[in-house]
Amino acid sequence: MDTLTESDVKSALDECVCFHFRKTTRAVTAYFDQALSPSNIRSGQLVILLSIRGGSSPTRNELAERVGLDQSALSRGLQALERQKLVKTVAGKDKRTRLVSLTAKGQKKLVEVFPLWEAAQRAFNKELGTKHIRAILHDLDLVYDQVRLMIDRNGSD
């Protein structure tokens, strides 16, 4: 194919799964970032804090898996939280493993931010409907799992 018509481009944008996921992700992220702004914590940072709190000092690899980030993106997120003294990373038993935990300041920040997130979540659910949101979350989990399988399958070729 030597040229693309306007129809080809419009069709690609209308049907592009990646484009629609990215557009939606940016909008949802902006909504939650705005709701959390009084706390000076962004939604991605909150996810990291919650994921650390949800486990007992996970390794960096475990944390990356929980939040669906690669090591590079996780490192950037953790560095920002470490600068704010909300998390700390320490050597594990074998010195190659790095364990991540919340500091006392991080625990306090999480308690401060949580009501902001709850209010935003309630408003989001009210706007779109709790039942609808649950169905979307279920479908997103299915898509995530299938895409991970596709990536793994392509990586093993």
N, C-alpha and C. Protein backbone atom coordinates (compact mmCIF):
# COMPACT_ATOMS: atom_id res chain seq x y z
N MET A 1 0.86 -1.18 0.00
CA MET A 1 0.00 0.00 0.00
C MET A 1 0.90 1.23 0.00
N ASP A 2 0.75 2.05 -1.03
CA ASP A 2 1.59 3.23 -1.18
C ASP A 2 1.00 4.48 -0.55
N THR A 3 -0.32 4.53 -0.44
CA THR A 3 -0.96 5.72 0.14
C THR A 3 -2.07 5.30 1.08
N LEU A 4 -2.39 6.21 1.97
CA LEU A 4 -3.51 6.02 2.88
C LEU A 4 -4.56 7.07 2.54
N THR A 5 -5.79 6.64 2.43
CA THR A 5 -6.87 7.57 2.18
C THR A 5 -7.37 8.11 3.51
N GLU A 6 -8.13 9.19 3.43
CA GLU A 6 -8.74 9.73 4.64
C GLU A 6 -9.65 8.68 5.27
N SER A 7 -10.30 7.91 4.46
CA SER A 7 -11.17 6.85 4.95
C SER A 7 -10.38 5.78 5.70
N ASP A 8 -9.19 5.42 5.18
CA ASP A 8 -8.33 4.45 5.87
C ASP A 8 -7.95 4.96 7.26
N VAL A 9 -7.55 6.23 7.32
CA VAL A 9 -7.10 6.82 8.59
C VAL A 9 -8.27 6.90 9.56
N LYS A 10 -9.43 7.38 9.09
CA LYS A 10 -10.60 7.47 9.97
C LYS A 10 -10.98 6.09 10.49
N SER A 11 -10.98 5.12 9.63
CA SER A 11 -11.32 3.75 10.03
C SER A 11 -10.33 3.22 11.06
N ALA A 12 -9.05 3.47 10.83
CA ALA A 12 -8.02 3.01 11.77
C ALA A 12 -8.23 3.64 13.14
N LEU A 13 -8.49 4.93 13.19
CA LEU A 13 -8.71 5.61 14.47
C LEU A 13 -10.00 5.14 15.14
N ASP A 14 -11.04 4.92 14.36
CA ASP A 14 -12.31 4.44 14.92
C ASP A 14 -12.17 3.05 15.52
N GLU A 15 -11.31 2.21 14.94
CA GLU A 15 -11.20 0.81 15.35
C GLU A 15 -9.96 0.50 16.18
N CYS A 16 -9.05 1.45 16.34
CA CYS A 16 -7.78 1.18 17.02
C CYS A 16 -7.99 0.99 18.52
N VAL A 17 -7.81 -0.24 18.97
CA VAL A 17 -7.98 -0.57 20.37
C VAL A 17 -7.01 0.25 21.23
N CYS A 18 -5.76 0.33 20.81
CA CYS A 18 -4.74 1.05 21.58
C CYS A 18 -5.13 2.52 21.75
N PHE A 19 -5.56 3.16 20.67
CA PHE A 19 -5.95 4.56 20.73
C PHE A 19 -7.08 4.77 21.74
N HIS A 20 -8.10 3.93 21.69
CA HIS A 20 -9.25 4.11 22.58
C HIS A 20 -8.89 3.83 24.04
N PHE A 21 -8.05 2.83 24.28
CA PHE A 21 -7.60 2.56 25.65
C PHE A 21 -6.77 3.74 26.16
N ARG A 22 -5.85 4.25 25.34
CA ARG A 22 -5.00 5.36 25.78
C ARG A 22 -5.82 6.62 26.04
N LYS A 23 -6.75 6.92 25.17
CA LYS A 23 -7.60 8.10 25.32
C LYS A 23 -8.42 8.00 26.62
N THR A 24 -9.00 6.85 26.86
CA THR A 24 -9.79 6.63 28.06
C THR A 24 -8.92 6.68 29.31
N THR A 25 -7.75 6.05 29.24
CA THR A 25 -6.84 6.05 30.38
C THR A 25 -6.42 7.47 30.74
N ARG A 26 -6.11 8.28 29.73
CA ARG A 26 -5.72 9.67 30.01
C ARG A 26 -6.86 10.44 30.69
N ALA A 27 -8.09 10.24 30.23
CA ALA A 27 -9.23 10.94 30.82
C ALA A 27 -9.48 10.49 32.25
N VAL A 28 -9.47 9.19 32.50
CA VAL A 28 -9.71 8.66 33.85
C VAL A 28 -8.60 9.12 34.79
N THR A 29 -7.35 9.06 34.32
CA THR A 29 -6.21 9.50 35.12
C THR A 29 -6.34 10.99 35.45
N ALA A 30 -6.71 11.79 34.48
CA ALA A 30 -6.87 13.24 34.73
C ALA A 30 -7.97 13.49 35.77
N TYR A 31 -9.06 12.74 35.69
CA TYR A 31 -10.15 12.88 36.66
C TYR A 31 -9.65 12.59 38.08
N PHE A 32 -8.98 11.45 38.26
CA PHE A 32 -8.53 11.08 39.60
C PHE A 32 -7.38 11.98 40.07
N ASP A 33 -6.49 12.38 39.16
CA ASP A 33 -5.41 13.31 39.54
C ASP A 33 -6.00 14.62 40.05
N GLN A 34 -7.03 15.10 39.38
CA GLN A 34 -7.69 16.34 39.81
C GLN A 34 -8.31 16.16 41.20
N ALA A 35 -8.97 15.03 41.42
CA ALA A 35 -9.61 14.78 42.71
C ALA A 35 -8.59 14.65 43.84
N LEU A 36 -7.41 14.11 43.53
CA LEU A 36 -6.38 13.90 44.55
C LEU A 36 -5.45 15.10 44.71
N SER A 37 -5.59 16.11 43.87
CA SER A 37 -4.63 17.23 43.86
C SER A 37 -4.42 17.92 45.21
N PRO A 38 -5.43 18.03 46.09
CA PRO A 38 -5.16 18.66 47.39
C PRO A 38 -4.08 17.93 48.21
N SER A 39 -3.87 16.66 47.91
CA SER A 39 -2.91 15.85 48.68
C SER A 39 -1.49 15.88 48.09
N ASN A 40 -1.35 16.48 46.90
CA ASN A 40 -0.07 16.46 46.18
C ASN A 40 0.39 15.05 45.83
N ILE A 41 -0.56 14.15 45.68
CA ILE A 41 -0.29 12.79 45.24
C ILE A 41 -1.10 12.56 43.97
N ARG A 42 -0.45 11.96 42.98
CA ARG A 42 -1.14 11.65 41.73
C ARG A 42 -1.71 10.23 41.80
N SER A 43 -2.64 9.95 40.92
CA SER A 43 -3.31 8.66 40.96
C SER A 43 -2.34 7.49 40.80
N GLY A 44 -1.36 7.63 39.93
CA GLY A 44 -0.37 6.55 39.77
C GLY A 44 0.44 6.32 41.03
N GLN A 45 0.75 7.39 41.75
CA GLN A 45 1.47 7.25 43.02
C GLN A 45 0.58 6.59 44.07
N LEU A 46 -0.70 6.93 44.06
CA LEU A 46 -1.62 6.31 45.01
C LEU A 46 -1.70 4.80 44.78
N VAL A 47 -1.75 4.41 43.52
CA VAL A 47 -1.79 2.98 43.20
C VAL A 47 -0.55 2.27 43.76
N ILE A 48 0.60 2.90 43.64
CA ILE A 48 1.84 2.31 44.17
C ILE A 48 1.75 2.23 45.70
N LEU A 49 1.33 3.30 46.35
CA LEU A 49 1.21 3.30 47.81
C LEU A 49 0.24 2.22 48.29
N LEU A 50 -0.91 2.13 47.64
CA LEU A 50 -1.90 1.12 48.02
C LEU A 50 -1.36 -0.29 47.80
N SER A 51 -0.62 -0.47 46.72
CA SER A 51 -0.08 -1.80 46.40
C SER A 51 1.01 -2.20 47.39
N ILE A 52 1.77 -1.23 47.87
CA ILE A 52 2.77 -1.52 48.90
C ILE A 52 2.05 -1.87 50.20
N ARG A 53 1.06 -1.07 50.56
CA ARG A 53 0.31 -1.27 51.80
C ARG A 53 -0.45 -2.59 51.78
N GLY A 54 -0.87 -3.01 50.59
CA GLY A 54 -1.64 -4.23 50.45
C GLY A 54 -0.84 -5.51 50.63
N GLY A 55 0.47 -5.40 50.70
CA GLY A 55 1.33 -6.57 50.89
C GLY A 55 2.36 -6.26 51.94
N SER A 56 3.05 -7.26 52.40
CA SER A 56 4.06 -7.03 53.43
C SER A 56 5.42 -6.83 52.76
N SER A 57 5.80 -5.59 52.62
CA SER A 57 7.08 -5.21 52.00
C SER A 57 7.38 -6.04 50.76
N PRO A 58 6.65 -5.77 49.66
CA PRO A 58 6.90 -6.54 48.44
C PRO A 58 8.27 -6.23 47.85
N THR A 59 8.78 -7.15 47.06
CA THR A 59 10.01 -6.85 46.32
C THR A 59 9.63 -5.89 45.19
N ARG A 60 10.63 -5.27 44.61
CA ARG A 60 10.36 -4.37 43.48
C ARG A 60 9.69 -5.14 42.35
N ASN A 61 10.13 -6.38 42.11
CA ASN A 61 9.53 -7.18 41.04
C ASN A 61 8.06 -7.49 41.34
N GLU A 62 7.77 -7.86 42.57
CA GLU A 62 6.38 -8.14 42.96
C GLU A 62 5.52 -6.88 42.82
N LEU A 63 6.07 -5.76 43.23
CA LEU A 63 5.33 -4.50 43.14
C LEU A 63 5.07 -4.13 41.68
N ALA A 64 6.08 -4.29 40.83
CA ALA A 64 5.92 -3.99 39.40
C ALA A 64 4.81 -4.85 38.81
N GLU A 65 4.78 -6.12 39.18
CA GLU A 65 3.74 -7.02 38.69
C GLU A 65 2.37 -6.59 39.19
N ARG A 66 2.26 -6.21 40.46
CA ARG A 66 0.97 -5.79 41.04
C ARG A 66 0.38 -4.59 40.33
N VAL A 67 1.25 -3.62 40.02
CA VAL A 67 0.75 -2.37 39.44
C VAL A 67 0.82 -2.35 37.92
N GLY A 68 1.34 -3.41 37.33
CA GLY A 68 1.38 -3.50 35.87
C GLY A 68 2.36 -2.55 35.22
N LEU A 69 3.50 -2.30 35.88
CA LEU A 69 4.52 -1.41 35.34
C LEU A 69 5.80 -2.19 35.06
N ASP A 70 6.56 -1.70 34.09
CA ASP A 70 7.89 -2.26 33.92
C ASP A 70 8.82 -1.64 34.96
N GLN A 71 10.00 -2.21 35.11
CA GLN A 71 10.92 -1.75 36.16
C GLN A 71 11.29 -0.28 36.02
N SER A 72 11.45 0.18 34.79
CA SER A 72 11.84 1.57 34.56
C SER A 72 10.76 2.54 35.05
N ALA A 73 9.52 2.27 34.67
CA ALA A 73 8.41 3.13 35.09
C ALA A 73 8.21 3.06 36.60
N LEU A 74 8.34 1.85 37.15
CA LEU A 74 8.21 1.71 38.61
C LEU A 74 9.31 2.50 39.32
N SER A 75 10.53 2.43 38.81
CA SER A 75 11.64 3.18 39.43
C SER A 75 11.36 4.67 39.47
N ARG A 76 10.83 5.21 38.37
CA ARG A 76 10.50 6.64 38.35
C ARG A 76 9.44 6.97 39.41
N GLY A 77 8.41 6.12 39.50
CA GLY A 77 7.36 6.34 40.49
C GLY A 77 7.89 6.24 41.92
N LEU A 78 8.73 5.23 42.15
CA LEU A 78 9.28 5.06 43.51
C LEU A 78 10.23 6.19 43.88
N GLN A 79 11.02 6.67 42.92
CA GLN A 79 11.95 7.77 43.22
C GLN A 79 11.19 9.00 43.71
N ALA A 80 10.08 9.30 43.05
CA ALA A 80 9.28 10.46 43.47
C ALA A 80 8.75 10.25 44.89
N LEU A 81 8.29 9.04 45.18
CA LEU A 81 7.76 8.75 46.52
C LEU A 81 8.88 8.71 47.57
N GLU A 82 10.07 8.26 47.18
CA GLU A 82 11.21 8.25 48.10
C GLU A 82 11.66 9.68 48.40
N ARG A 83 11.64 10.56 47.39
CA ARG A 83 12.01 11.96 47.61
C ARG A 83 11.07 12.61 48.63
N GLN A 84 9.81 12.20 48.60
CA GLN A 84 8.83 12.73 49.55
C GLN A 84 8.88 11.98 50.89
N LYS A 85 9.77 10.99 50.96
CA LYS A 85 9.95 10.18 52.17
C LYS A 85 8.69 9.41 52.54
N LEU A 86 7.96 8.95 51.50
CA LEU A 86 6.74 8.19 51.72
C LEU A 86 6.99 6.68 51.65
N VAL A 87 8.05 6.30 50.95
CA VAL A 87 8.42 4.88 50.86
C VAL A 87 9.92 4.76 51.08
N LYS A 88 10.31 3.54 51.42
CA LYS A 88 11.74 3.26 51.51
C LYS A 88 12.01 1.90 50.87
N THR A 89 13.19 1.78 50.32
CA THR A 89 13.61 0.53 49.69
C THR A 89 14.84 0.04 50.44
N VAL A 90 14.80 -1.21 50.85
CA VAL A 90 15.92 -1.79 51.60
C VAL A 90 16.31 -3.11 50.96
N ALA A 91 17.54 -3.53 51.23
CA ALA A 91 18.02 -4.81 50.72
C ALA A 91 17.24 -5.95 51.38
N GLY A 92 16.97 -6.98 50.59
CA GLY A 92 16.32 -8.17 51.11
C GLY A 92 17.35 -9.12 51.69
N LYS A 93 16.93 -10.35 51.93
CA LYS A 93 17.81 -11.33 52.55
C LYS A 93 19.05 -11.63 51.70
N ASP A 94 18.88 -11.66 50.38
CA ASP A 94 20.03 -12.04 49.55
C ASP A 94 20.78 -10.83 48.98
N LYS A 95 20.49 -9.65 49.43
CA LYS A 95 21.14 -8.38 49.06
C LYS A 95 20.88 -7.96 47.60
N ARG A 96 20.46 -8.89 46.73
CA ARG A 96 20.11 -8.51 45.36
C ARG A 96 18.64 -8.10 45.30
N THR A 97 17.86 -8.60 46.22
CA THR A 97 16.43 -8.31 46.26
C THR A 97 16.22 -6.99 47.00
N ARG A 98 15.37 -6.15 46.43
CA ARG A 98 15.03 -4.88 47.07
C ARG A 98 13.59 -4.94 47.54
N LEU A 99 13.36 -4.67 48.82
CA LEU A 99 12.04 -4.67 49.41
C LEU A 99 11.54 -3.23 49.55
N VAL A 100 10.27 -3.04 49.30
CA VAL A 100 9.68 -1.70 49.34
C VAL A 100 8.63 -1.66 50.45
N SER A 101 8.69 -0.61 51.26
CA SER A 101 7.69 -0.46 52.31
C SER A 101 7.33 1.01 52.48
N LEU A 102 6.18 1.22 53.11
CA LEU A 102 5.76 2.59 53.43
C LEU A 102 6.50 3.06 54.67
N THR A 103 6.87 4.31 54.70
CA THR A 103 7.40 4.92 55.91
C THR A 103 6.20 5.35 56.77
N ALA A 104 6.47 5.81 57.96
CA ALA A 104 5.39 6.34 58.81
C ALA A 104 4.72 7.52 58.10
N LYS A 105 5.52 8.34 57.44
CA LYS A 105 4.97 9.47 56.69
C LYS A 105 4.11 8.98 55.53
N GLY A 106 4.53 7.89 54.90
CA GLY A 106 3.76 7.30 53.81
C GLY A 106 2.43 6.74 54.29
N GLN A 107 2.44 6.09 55.46
CA GLN A 107 1.19 5.59 56.05
C GLN A 107 0.23 6.75 56.32
N LYS A 108 0.78 7.82 56.88
CA LYS A 108 -0.03 9.00 57.19
C LYS A 108 -0.60 9.62 55.91
N LYS A 109 0.23 9.71 54.87
CA LYS A 109 -0.21 10.27 53.59
C LYS A 109 -1.32 9.43 52.98
N LEU A 110 -1.19 8.12 53.09
CA LEU A 110 -2.21 7.23 52.56
C LEU A 110 -3.54 7.44 53.27
N VAL A 111 -3.50 7.61 54.58
CA VAL A 111 -4.72 7.89 55.36
C VAL A 111 -5.32 9.23 54.93
N GLU A 112 -4.47 10.20 54.63
CA GLU A 112 -4.93 11.53 54.19
C GLU A 112 -5.57 11.47 52.80
N VAL A 113 -4.96 10.70 51.89
CA VAL A 113 -5.39 10.66 50.50
C VAL A 113 -6.63 9.78 50.31
N PHE A 114 -6.76 8.76 51.12
CA PHE A 114 -7.81 7.76 50.90
C PHE A 114 -9.21 8.35 50.81
N PRO A 115 -9.61 9.28 51.71
CA PRO A 115 -10.95 9.86 51.59
C PRO A 115 -11.15 10.63 50.27
N LEU A 116 -10.09 11.25 49.75
CA LEU A 116 -10.20 11.94 48.47
C LEU A 116 -10.48 10.94 47.36
N TRP A 117 -9.76 9.81 47.42
CA TRP A 117 -9.97 8.77 46.42
C TRP A 117 -11.38 8.19 46.55
N GLU A 118 -11.81 7.92 47.80
CA GLU A 118 -13.16 7.35 48.01
C GLU A 118 -14.24 8.26 47.43
N ALA A 119 -14.10 9.56 47.65
CA ALA A 119 -15.10 10.51 47.14
C ALA A 119 -15.10 10.51 45.61
N ALA A 120 -13.92 10.49 45.03
CA ALA A 120 -13.81 10.47 43.57
C ALA A 120 -14.39 9.16 43.01
N GLN A 121 -14.10 8.07 43.67
CA GLN A 121 -14.60 6.76 43.25
C GLN A 121 -16.12 6.71 43.33
N ARG A 122 -16.68 7.22 44.44
CA ARG A 122 -18.14 7.25 44.59
C ARG A 122 -18.79 8.09 43.48
N ALA A 123 -18.21 9.26 43.21
CA ALA A 123 -18.76 10.14 42.17
C ALA A 123 -18.66 9.47 40.79
N PHE A 124 -17.56 8.80 40.55
CA PHE A 124 -17.35 8.10 39.28
C PHE A 124 -18.40 7.00 39.13
N ASN A 125 -18.57 6.21 40.19
CA ASN A 125 -19.56 5.13 40.16
C ASN A 125 -20.98 5.66 39.99
N LYS A 126 -21.27 6.77 40.67
CA LYS A 126 -22.60 7.37 40.56
C LYS A 126 -22.86 7.83 39.12
N GLU A 127 -21.86 8.43 38.52
CA GLU A 127 -21.99 8.96 37.16
C GLU A 127 -22.20 7.84 36.14
N LEU A 128 -21.44 6.78 36.27
CA LEU A 128 -21.48 5.70 35.27
C LEU A 128 -22.29 4.49 35.72
N GLY A 129 -22.59 4.42 36.99
CA GLY A 129 -23.34 3.29 37.52
C GLY A 129 -22.41 2.21 38.05
N THR A 130 -22.60 1.84 39.31
CA THR A 130 -21.73 0.86 39.97
C THR A 130 -21.72 -0.47 39.22
N LYS A 131 -22.90 -0.92 38.79
CA LYS A 131 -22.99 -2.18 38.06
C LYS A 131 -22.18 -2.10 36.75
N HIS A 132 -22.30 -1.01 36.06
CA HIS A 132 -21.56 -0.81 34.81
C HIS A 132 -20.06 -0.78 35.07
N ILE A 133 -19.65 -0.09 36.12
CA ILE A 133 -18.22 -0.01 36.46
C ILE A 133 -17.69 -1.40 36.80
N ARG A 134 -18.43 -2.18 37.56
CA ARG A 134 -17.99 -3.55 37.89
C ARG A 134 -17.81 -4.38 36.63
N ALA A 135 -18.73 -4.25 35.68
CA ALA A 135 -18.62 -4.99 34.41
C ALA A 135 -17.40 -4.53 33.63
N ILE A 136 -17.16 -3.22 33.61
CA ILE A 136 -15.98 -2.69 32.90
C ILE A 136 -14.71 -3.22 33.54
N LEU A 137 -14.63 -3.18 34.87
CA LEU A 137 -13.44 -3.66 35.57
C LEU A 137 -13.21 -5.15 35.30
N HIS A 138 -14.27 -5.92 35.29
CA HIS A 138 -14.16 -7.34 34.98
C HIS A 138 -13.62 -7.53 33.56
N ASP A 139 -14.20 -6.79 32.62
CA ASP A 139 -13.74 -6.91 31.23
C ASP A 139 -12.29 -6.45 31.08
N LEU A 140 -11.92 -5.39 31.79
CA LEU A 140 -10.53 -4.92 31.72
C LEU A 140 -9.56 -5.97 32.27
N ASP A 141 -9.94 -6.66 33.34
CA ASP A 141 -9.10 -7.74 33.86
C ASP A 141 -8.93 -8.84 32.82
N LEU A 142 -10.01 -9.18 32.14
CA LEU A 142 -9.92 -10.20 31.09
C LEU A 142 -9.01 -9.76 29.95
N VAL A 143 -9.16 -8.51 29.53
CA VAL A 143 -8.32 -7.97 28.46
C VAL A 143 -6.85 -7.97 28.90
N TYR A 144 -6.60 -7.51 30.12
CA TYR A 144 -5.22 -7.48 30.63
C TYR A 144 -4.60 -8.87 30.61
N ASP A 145 -5.32 -9.85 31.15
CA ASP A 145 -4.79 -11.21 31.19
C ASP A 145 -4.53 -11.75 29.79
N GLN A 146 -5.44 -11.50 28.87
CA GLN A 146 -5.27 -12.00 27.50
C GLN A 146 -4.10 -11.32 26.80
N VAL A 147 -3.98 -10.02 26.98
CA VAL A 147 -2.86 -9.30 26.34
C VAL A 147 -1.53 -9.76 26.91
N ARG A 148 -1.47 -9.99 28.23
CA ARG A 148 -0.23 -10.52 28.83
C ARG A 148 0.14 -11.87 28.20
N LEU A 149 -0.87 -12.74 27.98
CA LEU A 149 -0.62 -14.02 27.32
C LEU A 149 -0.11 -13.82 25.90
N MET A 150 -0.69 -12.86 25.19
CA MET A 150 -0.26 -12.58 23.82
C MET A 150 1.18 -12.08 23.80
N ILE A 151 1.53 -11.22 24.75
CA ILE A 151 2.90 -10.71 24.83
C ILE A 151 3.86 -11.85 25.13
N ASP A 152 3.49 -12.67 26.11
CA ASP A 152 4.36 -13.82 26.47
C ASP A 152 4.52 -14.76 25.28
N ARG A 153 3.44 -15.02 24.58
CA ARG A 153 3.48 -15.92 23.43
C ARG A 153 4.38 -15.34 22.32
N ASN A 154 4.26 -14.05 22.07
CA ASN A 154 5.09 -13.40 21.04
C ASN A 154 6.54 -13.36 21.44
N GLY A 155 6.80 -13.23 22.75
CA GLY A 155 8.17 -13.18 23.24
C GLY A 155 8.86 -14.53 23.18
N SER A 156 8.10 -15.60 23.11
CA SER A 156 8.72 -16.93 23.10
C SER A 156 8.97 -17.45 21.69
N ASP A 157 8.63 -16.67 20.68
CA ASP A 157 8.86 -17.10 19.29
C ASP A 157 10.31 -17.06 18.91
